[in-house]
Protein backbone atom coordinates (compact mmCIF):
# COMPACT_ATOMS: atom_id res chain seq x y z
CA MET A 1 -69.91 -59.54 67.78
CA LYS A 2 -66.68 -58.77 69.60
CA ALA A 3 -67.20 -58.15 73.30
CA ARG A 4 -66.21 -54.72 74.54
CA SER A 5 -64.01 -54.61 77.59
CA PRO A 6 -64.87 -52.34 80.56
CA GLY A 7 -64.08 -48.81 79.55
CA GLY A 8 -63.69 -49.94 75.95
CA GLU A 9 -62.28 -47.54 73.41
CA ASP A 10 -62.86 -44.58 75.73
CA ALA A 11 -60.49 -46.00 78.35
CA ARG A 12 -57.85 -46.78 75.75
CA GLU A 13 -58.26 -43.32 74.25
CA LYS A 14 -57.75 -41.65 77.63
CA CYS A 15 -54.70 -43.78 78.30
CA SER A 16 -53.30 -42.97 74.89
CA THR A 17 -53.91 -39.25 75.44
CA ALA A 18 -52.13 -39.34 78.80
CA GLU A 19 -49.20 -41.16 77.23
CA GLN A 20 -49.01 -38.74 74.33
CA GLN A 21 -49.41 -35.66 76.54
CA PRO A 22 -47.63 -36.47 79.80
CA GLU A 23 -47.49 -32.76 80.61
CA LEU A 24 -51.25 -32.93 81.34
CA ALA A 25 -50.87 -35.66 83.94
CA TRP A 26 -50.28 -33.19 86.77
CA ILE A 27 -53.76 -31.67 86.37
CA LYS A 28 -55.48 -34.44 88.34
CA PHE A 29 -53.13 -33.90 91.26
CA MET A 30 -53.86 -30.17 91.41
CA THR A 31 -57.65 -30.54 91.40
CA THR A 32 -58.94 -29.40 94.79
CA ASP A 33 -62.71 -29.68 94.33
CA THR A 34 -62.80 -32.85 96.41
CA ILE A 35 -59.38 -32.67 98.09
CA THR A 36 -58.88 -30.76 101.31
CA ARG A 37 -55.57 -29.38 102.54
CA GLU A 38 -54.14 -28.81 105.99
CA ALA A 39 -51.60 -26.02 106.30
CA LEU A 40 -48.42 -27.25 107.98
CA HIS A 41 -45.67 -24.77 107.15
CA ASP A 42 -45.49 -21.16 106.05
CA ARG A 43 -42.36 -19.45 104.70
CA SER A 44 -42.46 -15.75 103.96
CA ILE A 45 -39.63 -13.92 102.21
CA GLN A 46 -39.63 -10.15 102.09
CA MET A 47 -37.12 -8.00 100.22
CA ARG A 48 -36.97 -4.21 100.08
CA GLY A 49 -34.65 -1.65 98.53
CA PHE A 50 -33.87 1.78 99.95
CA LEU A 51 -32.11 5.01 99.02
CA ARG A 52 -30.04 6.20 101.97
CA SER A 53 -29.44 9.78 103.07
CA ASP A 54 -25.70 9.33 102.48
CA GLY A 55 -26.26 8.68 98.77
CA LEU A 56 -25.76 4.92 98.99
CA PHE A 57 -28.43 2.24 98.63
CA GLU A 58 -29.52 -0.61 100.86
CA VAL A 59 -31.30 -3.88 100.19
CA GLU A 60 -32.82 -5.92 103.00
CA GLY A 61 -33.94 -9.53 102.83
CA ARG A 62 -35.84 -11.36 105.57
CA VAL A 63 -37.04 -14.97 105.83
CA THR A 64 -39.69 -16.07 108.32
CA ASP A 65 -40.79 -19.68 108.93
CA ARG A 66 -43.86 -20.69 110.94
CA LYS A 67 -45.57 -24.00 111.57
CA SER A 68 -49.24 -24.61 112.31
CA TYR A 69 -48.42 -26.79 115.32
CA ALA A 70 -46.23 -26.52 118.40
CA PHE A 71 -42.92 -28.35 118.32
CA ARG A 72 -39.30 -28.37 119.38
CA ALA A 73 -36.49 -28.75 116.84
CA LEU A 74 -34.19 -31.75 117.20
CA LEU A 75 -31.77 -30.88 120.03
CA GLY A 76 -33.44 -27.45 120.14
CA ASP A 77 -33.33 -25.37 123.31
CA ARG A 78 -36.79 -23.80 123.09
CA ASP A 79 -40.39 -24.81 122.47
CA VAL A 80 -41.99 -23.13 119.46
CA PRO A 81 -45.75 -22.50 119.80
CA ALA A 82 -47.99 -22.87 116.75
CA GLY A 83 -47.79 -19.81 114.51
CA THR A 84 -44.70 -18.45 116.24
CA PRO A 85 -41.64 -17.87 114.00
CA LEU A 86 -39.13 -20.69 114.01
CA HIS A 87 -36.88 -18.59 111.79
CA ASP A 88 -37.03 -14.82 111.57
CA MET A 89 -33.72 -13.58 110.24
CA GLY A 90 -32.25 -11.53 107.48
CA VAL A 91 -29.48 -9.62 105.74
CA LYS A 92 -28.88 -5.96 104.92
CA LEU A 93 -26.44 -5.00 102.18
CA VAL A 94 -25.24 -1.43 101.63
CA PHE A 95 -24.21 -0.83 98.00
CA ASP A 96 -23.48 1.93 95.51
CA ALA A 97 -24.73 2.75 92.00
CA ASP A 98 -22.26 0.19 90.58
CA LEU A 99 -23.83 -2.53 92.78
CA LYS A 100 -20.63 -2.82 94.81
CA VAL A 101 -21.24 -4.03 98.37
CA HIS A 102 -19.84 -1.65 101.00
CA ALA A 103 -21.22 -3.10 104.23
CA ILE A 104 -23.12 -6.15 105.49
CA GLU A 105 -25.35 -6.56 108.51
CA THR A 106 -27.24 -9.69 109.56
CA PHE A 107 -29.93 -10.10 112.20
CA THR A 108 -31.59 -13.06 113.88
CA ASP A 109 -34.82 -12.33 115.73
CA ALA A 110 -35.82 -15.99 115.98
CA ALA A 111 -33.97 -19.29 115.42
CA PRO A 112 -34.26 -22.87 116.69
CA TYR A 113 -30.84 -22.73 118.35
CA SER A 114 -29.24 -19.96 120.39
CA ILE A 115 -26.00 -20.18 118.39
CA CYS A 116 -27.67 -19.53 115.01
CA GLY A 117 -27.03 -15.80 115.15
CA ALA A 118 -23.30 -16.36 114.79
CA GLY A 119 -23.93 -17.93 111.38
CA GLY A 120 -24.20 -14.49 109.86
CA GLU A 121 -20.68 -13.38 110.74
CA ALA A 122 -19.15 -15.09 107.70
CA LEU A 123 -21.14 -12.84 105.35
CA GLN A 124 -18.71 -10.01 106.08
CA ALA A 125 -16.52 -11.70 103.46
CA LEU A 126 -18.86 -10.33 100.77
CA ALA A 127 -17.67 -6.75 101.21
CA GLY A 128 -16.20 -5.43 97.97
CA LEU A 129 -18.08 -7.80 95.67
CA ARG A 130 -20.42 -6.50 92.96
CA MET A 131 -23.95 -7.86 92.64
CA THR A 132 -23.65 -8.41 88.91
CA SER A 133 -23.31 -11.45 86.64
CA GLY A 134 -21.60 -14.26 88.55
CA TRP A 135 -22.71 -12.97 91.95
CA SER A 136 -24.07 -16.33 93.15
CA ALA A 137 -20.88 -18.15 92.13
CA ARG A 138 -18.72 -15.61 93.96
CA VAL A 139 -20.91 -15.93 97.05
CA ARG A 140 -20.43 -19.71 97.04
CA GLU A 141 -16.67 -19.27 96.71
CA ARG A 142 -16.47 -17.04 99.76
CA LEU A 143 -19.03 -18.70 102.02
CA ALA A 144 -18.48 -22.30 103.05
CA ALA A 145 -21.81 -23.95 103.89
CA HIS A 146 -20.69 -25.16 107.34
CA ARG A 147 -19.43 -21.71 108.36
CA SER A 148 -22.47 -19.62 107.48
CA CYS A 149 -26.24 -19.76 107.97
CA VAL A 150 -27.81 -21.46 104.96
CA HIS A 151 -31.03 -19.45 105.33
CA LEU A 152 -29.18 -16.17 105.08
CA VAL A 153 -27.07 -17.34 102.15
CA GLN A 154 -30.21 -18.40 100.25
CA LEU A 155 -31.45 -14.81 100.43
CA LEU A 156 -28.39 -13.38 98.71
CA GLY A 157 -29.23 -14.49 95.16
CA PRO A 158 -32.61 -12.78 94.84
CA MET A 159 -31.33 -9.82 96.87
CA ALA A 160 -29.03 -8.96 93.96
CA THR A 161 -32.09 -8.74 91.70
CA VAL A 162 -33.85 -6.46 94.18
CA ALA A 163 -30.72 -4.31 94.40
CA PHE A 164 -30.76 -3.95 90.61
CA GLN A 165 -34.44 -2.98 90.70
CA THR A 166 -33.69 -0.45 93.44
CA LEU A 167 -31.49 1.44 90.98
CA SER A 168 -34.29 1.70 88.41
CA VAL A 169 -34.93 5.35 89.32
CA GLN A 170 -31.41 6.20 88.20
CA ARG A 171 -31.69 4.11 85.04
CA LYS A 172 -34.80 5.90 83.76
CA GLN A 173 -32.71 8.60 82.15
CA ALA A 174 -29.75 6.38 81.37
CA VAL A 175 -28.68 5.30 77.89
CA VAL A 176 -29.86 1.78 76.99
CA ASP A 177 -27.04 -0.76 77.34
CA ARG A 178 -26.31 -2.55 74.07
CA ASP A 179 -24.02 -5.34 72.90
CA ALA A 180 -21.25 -5.02 70.30
CA ASN A 181 -23.83 -5.30 67.51
CA GLY A 182 -26.02 -2.54 68.93
CA ARG A 183 -28.72 -4.92 70.22
CA PRO A 184 -30.23 -3.81 73.56
CA LEU A 185 -29.18 -6.16 76.36
CA LYS A 186 -32.78 -6.17 77.56
CA VAL A 187 -33.86 -8.15 74.49
CA ASP A 188 -34.24 -11.84 75.41
CA SER A 189 -33.33 -11.06 79.04
CA CYS A 190 -36.72 -12.35 80.22
CA TYR A 191 -40.11 -13.51 78.89
CA ALA A 192 -41.59 -10.00 78.55
CA TYR A 193 -38.50 -8.77 76.70
CA SER A 194 -38.13 -11.80 74.42
CA ALA A 195 -37.52 -10.81 70.81
CA GLY A 196 -40.92 -12.09 69.72
CA GLN A 197 -42.98 -10.08 72.21
CA SER A 198 -44.98 -6.94 71.43
CA LEU A 199 -42.98 -5.00 74.03
CA VAL A 200 -39.84 -5.32 71.91
CA ARG A 201 -41.82 -4.55 68.75
CA GLU A 202 -42.99 -1.27 70.29
CA LYS A 203 -39.71 -0.25 71.92
CA TRP A 204 -37.11 -1.57 69.47
CA PRO A 205 -38.94 -2.59 66.27
CA GLU A 206 -35.65 -3.16 64.44
CA HIS A 207 -34.89 -6.03 66.87
CA TYR A 208 -38.37 -7.58 66.84
CA GLU A 209 -38.36 -11.20 65.65
CA GLY A 210 -42.00 -12.20 66.13
CA PRO A 211 -44.72 -12.67 63.54
CA SER A 212 -45.62 -9.78 61.28
CA ASP A 213 -49.17 -8.46 61.14
CA GLY A 214 -49.99 -11.16 58.64
CA GLY A 215 -48.70 -13.89 60.94
CA THR A 216 -45.49 -14.58 59.04
CA PRO A 217 -42.44 -14.87 61.32
CA ARG A 218 -39.79 -12.31 60.59
CA SER A 219 -36.07 -12.56 61.17
CA GLN A 220 -33.91 -10.09 63.02
CA GLY A 221 -33.10 -6.97 61.01
CA GLN A 222 -36.01 -7.50 58.63
């Protein structure tokens, strides 16, 4: 009789499964039943949109970093106690219904270096830009990394999304934007609005591309 090696077929089967399904390999690293964790760093990002009394809109983004231990940044000029913000800074953008930026304000309530606050001055170059498609590329064109605060610049991308969401009250009664073929631009703009989802089937059944009731996929226009 052929001797069975330790683990035998079961071990080879598990190995084969892992090789065939590498996407499952991460599961063992995320199991926390027997693994403890020590919190070292906390980053909080808050973004809010406002309607102003002058008829314009405002979006504010703030980033706050804290560590669970006391430290001093390399060449830093202050000691940072555990749980005290290392970074607490942000951006305010004033914009109109066309998402055009009219004014920029930055603030630095906490930073590792006393000169960090000046890193927000370069963001004034964003005045006049629209927070629409290509916004991030235009931001990179106008803001050189060494002349602006990287933490503030990183807020600008998602702030454009929040600005768009801030205008949702106005868009409730607006006509749905469509492409040249009459297809709503919302379709396939995100997971919930993908052409195969029930949301599209309910709202725009003529553009639904998911399975029919019988499970047979249907093509657009069917």
